[in-house]
Amino acid sequence: MINNNNICVFDLETLGTDIKVDEVTQIACVMIDPRTLKVIPNSQFSSLIRPIDTMSGTPSQIEQKWFKARNAMNITGQKRDELEKAPLPEHVWKAFAAHVKRYNSGGTGPTARPIPSGHNIINFDLPLVERYCKKYKMVGEDGRPKIFNPRTTLDTLHICFMWFENMVEPERLSMDILRDYFGISKEGGHEAENDVAVAAELIIRFLKVYRRYAPKVGFKGSFKSKLAENVI
């Protein structure tokens, strides 16, 4: 097979870690050309998102909600006054979906959409995408979001597990630990645009490694042998 789907590396920042209730405050993405493995020029998208639920209620309730979100905001570096002035979430999500759609590989079916990619997106970002798409009626008849390719996902957390699961280092697979391991600066960490750039570089590097070595590994027909483990 030859993949011709663009790869959408994206990241969300939130006011907490509960994907069922905490609000998304920033979304960013960039596109990778699947054949050249280079970032597509001018394919970046980034926007802050106004946390409308956090800003609703009595003055006392609102202050409590912002107080609860303080730890997350300390990590992301986001400021309350910036978020209060940010675009409404419905507008941002629709703009994001329209941006991603521009990079469909051709055709009208779901598999023509860009492949979602990022770090820990299977367990965190993609469920949030589904939640917001359902909220703003951006789903198909199957109830699934109409943004990404539903067949394939490239999650650097899972890729790194496959690569490092028999090695002492890195000790964990959080992005902060991986930044240290790979020698990537932590400056700007937990800011969506920066995290997207890092994840995109990781995806590109891993895909280059796979493309270089996969043809040299004798997978084809290997299970016809009595010793399938001799594939390598």
Protein backbone atom coordinates (compact mmCIF):
# COMPACT_ATOMS: atom_id res chain seq x y z
CA MET A 1 0.00 0.00 0.00
CA ILE A 2 1.05 3.58 -0.56
CA ASN A 3 -0.48 6.17 1.73
CA ASN A 4 -1.68 9.30 -0.06
CA ASN A 5 -3.64 10.78 2.85
CA ASN A 6 -2.27 13.95 4.36
CA ILE A 7 -1.36 13.64 8.04
CA CYS A 8 -2.96 16.17 10.39
CA VAL A 9 -0.84 16.62 13.52
CA PHE A 10 -3.01 18.36 16.10
CA ASP A 11 -3.09 19.20 19.78
CA LEU A 12 -5.64 20.51 22.27
CA GLU A 13 -5.08 22.43 25.50
CA THR A 14 -7.72 22.22 28.20
CA LEU A 15 -8.67 23.50 31.64
CA GLY A 16 -8.26 20.03 33.14
CA THR A 17 -7.76 16.36 32.40
CA ASP A 18 -11.37 15.17 32.54
CA ILE A 19 -12.29 14.66 28.88
CA LYS A 20 -15.98 14.43 29.77
CA VAL A 21 -16.36 17.89 31.31
CA ASP A 22 -13.23 20.06 31.08
CA GLU A 23 -13.20 22.68 28.37
CA VAL A 24 -10.81 22.98 25.43
CA THR A 25 -9.03 26.35 25.44
CA GLN A 26 -6.75 26.01 22.41
CA ILE A 27 -6.48 23.96 19.25
CA ALA A 28 -3.63 23.83 16.78
CA CYS A 29 -2.65 21.66 13.84
CA VAL A 30 -0.26 21.33 10.94
CA MET A 31 -0.32 19.09 7.86
CA ILE A 32 2.36 16.66 6.70
CA ASP A 33 2.63 15.67 3.05
CA PRO A 34 2.54 11.83 3.07
CA ARG A 35 4.91 11.43 0.15
CA THR A 36 7.60 14.01 0.93
CA LEU A 37 7.22 13.78 4.73
CA LYS A 38 7.50 17.54 4.97
CA VAL A 39 5.21 20.03 6.66
CA ILE A 40 2.92 21.53 4.03
CA PRO A 41 3.58 25.29 3.76
CA ASN A 42 0.87 27.50 5.27
CA SER A 43 -1.01 24.49 6.63
CA GLN A 44 -0.93 25.69 10.23
CA PHE A 45 -4.10 26.41 12.19
CA SER A 46 -4.21 27.76 15.73
CA SER A 47 -6.77 29.46 17.90
CA LEU A 48 -7.60 30.07 21.51
CA ILE A 49 -11.12 29.05 22.51
CA ARG A 50 -13.36 30.84 24.98
CA PRO A 51 -14.34 28.54 27.90
CA ILE A 52 -18.00 29.53 27.94
CA ASP A 53 -19.05 27.04 30.64
CA THR A 54 -16.34 28.31 32.97
CA MET A 55 -17.59 31.85 32.39
CA SER A 56 -21.24 31.06 33.15
CA GLY A 57 -23.06 31.08 36.50
CA THR A 58 -23.10 33.43 39.46
CA PRO A 59 -19.99 35.55 40.13
CA SER A 60 -19.08 33.22 42.97
CA GLN A 61 -19.47 30.11 40.80
CA ILE A 62 -17.40 31.65 38.03
CA GLU A 63 -14.58 32.49 40.41
CA GLN A 64 -14.63 28.93 41.75
CA LYS A 65 -14.40 27.54 38.24
CA TRP A 66 -11.43 29.73 37.37
CA PHE A 67 -9.77 28.78 40.65
CA LYS A 68 -10.23 25.11 39.80
CA ALA A 69 -8.60 25.70 36.41
CA ARG A 70 -5.53 27.45 37.83
CA ASN A 71 -3.25 24.39 37.71
CA ALA A 72 -3.98 23.72 34.06
CA MET A 73 -3.46 27.39 33.18
CA ASN A 74 -0.14 27.43 35.03
CA ILE A 75 0.99 24.53 32.84
CA THR A 76 -0.21 26.00 29.54
CA GLY A 77 0.71 29.58 30.39
CA GLN A 78 -2.70 30.81 29.32
CA LYS A 79 -4.17 33.94 30.89
CA ARG A 80 -7.76 34.42 32.02
CA ASP A 81 -8.20 37.74 30.25
CA GLU A 82 -6.98 36.23 26.96
CA LEU A 83 -9.40 33.32 27.21
CA GLU A 84 -12.31 35.57 28.11
CA LYS A 85 -11.75 37.44 24.83
CA ALA A 86 -11.08 34.35 22.71
CA PRO A 87 -13.42 33.29 19.87
CA LEU A 88 -16.48 31.23 20.74
CA PRO A 89 -15.92 27.46 20.65
CA GLU A 90 -18.53 26.76 17.96
CA HIS A 91 -16.86 29.24 15.60
CA VAL A 92 -13.39 27.80 16.25
CA TRP A 93 -14.46 24.18 15.78
CA LYS A 94 -16.20 24.92 12.51
CA ALA A 95 -13.18 26.88 11.27
CA PHE A 96 -10.89 24.02 12.30
CA ALA A 97 -13.06 21.45 10.49
CA ALA A 98 -13.10 23.61 7.34
CA HIS A 99 -9.32 23.97 7.50
CA VAL A 100 -8.74 20.22 7.81
CA LYS A 101 -11.19 19.53 4.96
CA ARG A 102 -9.03 21.53 2.58
CA TYR A 103 -6.43 18.79 2.88
CA ASN A 104 -8.64 15.85 1.93
CA SER A 105 -6.76 13.59 -0.46
CA GLY A 106 -9.55 13.54 -3.05
CA GLY A 107 -12.95 11.94 -3.17
CA THR A 108 -15.83 12.47 -0.80
CA GLY A 109 -15.68 9.44 1.48
CA PRO A 110 -14.42 9.40 5.08
CA THR A 111 -11.17 7.67 4.12
CA ALA A 112 -10.20 10.67 1.97
CA ARG A 113 -9.83 12.78 5.10
CA PRO A 114 -6.45 13.51 6.70
CA ILE A 115 -5.06 10.99 9.16
CA PRO A 116 -5.17 12.31 12.75
CA SER A 117 -1.83 12.35 14.51
CA GLY A 118 -0.33 13.64 17.75
CA HIS A 119 0.80 12.55 21.19
CA ASN A 120 -1.70 10.61 23.32
CA ILE A 121 -4.53 11.64 21.02
CA ILE A 122 -6.26 8.26 21.15
CA ASN A 123 -6.94 8.55 24.87
CA PHE A 124 -7.27 12.32 25.20
CA ASP A 125 -7.57 14.59 22.17
CA LEU A 126 -9.74 12.43 19.90
CA PRO A 127 -12.41 11.82 22.58
CA LEU A 128 -12.54 15.60 23.07
CA VAL A 129 -12.91 16.10 19.32
CA GLU A 130 -15.82 13.66 19.35
CA ARG A 131 -17.44 15.43 22.30
CA TYR A 132 -17.26 18.87 20.72
CA CYS A 133 -18.31 17.64 17.27
CA LYS A 134 -21.40 16.04 18.77
CA LYS A 135 -22.14 19.23 20.70
CA TYR A 136 -22.01 21.36 17.56
CA LYS A 137 -23.63 18.77 15.26
CA MET A 138 -20.50 18.09 13.22
CA VAL A 139 -20.97 14.32 12.99
CA GLY A 140 -22.13 11.94 10.29
CA GLU A 141 -25.04 9.53 10.35
CA ASP A 142 -22.85 7.09 12.27
CA GLY A 143 -22.42 9.68 15.04
CA ARG A 144 -18.69 10.02 14.39
CA PRO A 145 -16.92 13.35 13.73
CA LYS A 146 -16.66 14.40 10.10
CA ILE A 147 -13.12 15.76 10.40
CA PHE A 148 -10.55 12.97 10.35
CA ASN A 149 -9.93 9.68 8.61
CA PRO A 150 -11.76 7.10 10.76
CA ARG A 151 -9.57 4.19 9.71
CA THR A 152 -6.05 5.20 10.70
CA THR A 153 -4.52 7.10 13.62
CA LEU A 154 -0.86 7.87 14.25
CA ASP A 155 -0.30 8.34 17.97
CA THR A 156 3.31 9.00 18.97
CA LEU A 157 2.60 7.59 22.43
CA HIS A 158 1.82 4.19 20.91
CA ILE A 159 4.66 4.45 18.41
CA CYS A 160 7.13 5.20 21.21
CA PHE A 161 5.79 2.28 23.27
CA MET A 162 6.46 -0.11 20.38
CA TRP A 163 9.93 1.35 19.95
CA PHE A 164 11.04 1.60 23.58
CA GLU A 165 9.08 -1.11 25.43
CA ASN A 166 12.20 -3.22 25.98
CA MET A 167 14.54 -0.37 26.88
CA VAL A 168 15.37 1.22 30.23
CA GLU A 169 15.11 4.70 28.80
CA PRO A 170 12.98 6.71 28.47
CA GLU A 171 11.47 5.89 31.85
CA ARG A 172 8.01 7.12 30.80
CA LEU A 173 6.39 8.24 27.58
CA SER A 174 5.03 11.63 28.58
CA MET A 175 5.93 14.39 26.15
CA ASP A 176 8.04 16.12 28.83
CA ILE A 177 10.13 12.97 29.35
CA LEU A 178 10.42 12.42 25.62
CA ARG A 179 11.60 16.00 25.12
CA ASP A 180 14.49 15.28 27.51
CA TYR A 181 15.23 11.94 25.89
CA PHE A 182 15.31 13.29 22.33
CA GLY A 183 17.07 16.51 23.30
CA ILE A 184 14.12 18.76 22.48
CA SER A 185 13.81 22.07 24.30
CA LYS A 186 11.01 22.27 26.87
CA GLU A 187 10.52 25.95 26.13
CA GLY A 188 6.95 26.46 24.99
CA GLY A 189 5.90 23.02 26.14
CA HIS A 190 2.16 22.54 26.74
CA GLU A 191 1.41 25.28 24.24
CA ALA A 192 -0.56 23.78 21.38
CA GLU A 193 1.42 25.23 18.47
CA ASN A 194 4.74 24.17 19.98
CA ASP A 195 3.49 20.69 20.90
CA VAL A 196 2.19 20.24 17.36
CA ALA A 197 5.58 21.16 15.91
CA VAL A 198 7.33 18.64 18.18
CA ALA A 199 4.83 15.86 17.45
CA ALA A 200 5.10 16.54 13.71
CA GLU A 201 8.88 16.20 13.85
CA LEU A 202 8.58 12.91 15.77
CA ILE A 203 6.07 11.53 13.25
CA ILE A 204 8.29 12.52 10.34
CA ARG A 205 11.39 10.96 11.90
CA PHE A 206 9.68 7.69 12.79
CA LEU A 207 8.11 7.36 9.34
CA LYS A 208 11.50 7.96 7.74
CA VAL A 209 13.00 5.19 9.87
CA TYR A 210 10.19 2.79 8.96
CA ARG A 211 10.48 3.59 5.27
CA ARG A 212 14.19 2.98 5.36
CA TYR A 213 14.17 -0.32 7.21
CA ALA A 214 10.78 -1.92 6.53
CA PRO A 215 11.77 -3.12 3.02
CA LYS A 216 14.84 -4.80 4.53
CA VAL A 217 12.81 -6.84 7.02
CA GLY A 218 11.53 -10.12 5.63
CA PHE A 219 7.90 -9.89 6.67
CA LYS A 220 6.44 -11.13 3.38
CA GLY A 221 5.69 -14.84 3.54
CA SER A 222 7.42 -15.16 6.90
CA PHE A 223 4.57 -17.15 8.49
CA LYS A 224 4.95 -19.87 5.90
CA SER A 225 8.11 -20.78 7.78
CA LYS A 226 7.89 -23.08 10.79
CA LEU A 227 9.87 -20.44 12.70
CA ALA A 228 7.96 -17.23 12.13
CA GLU A 229 10.12 -15.51 14.72
CA ASN A 230 12.99 -15.68 12.24
CA VAL A 231 11.35 -12.85 10.32
CA ILE A 232 14.24 -10.62 11.35
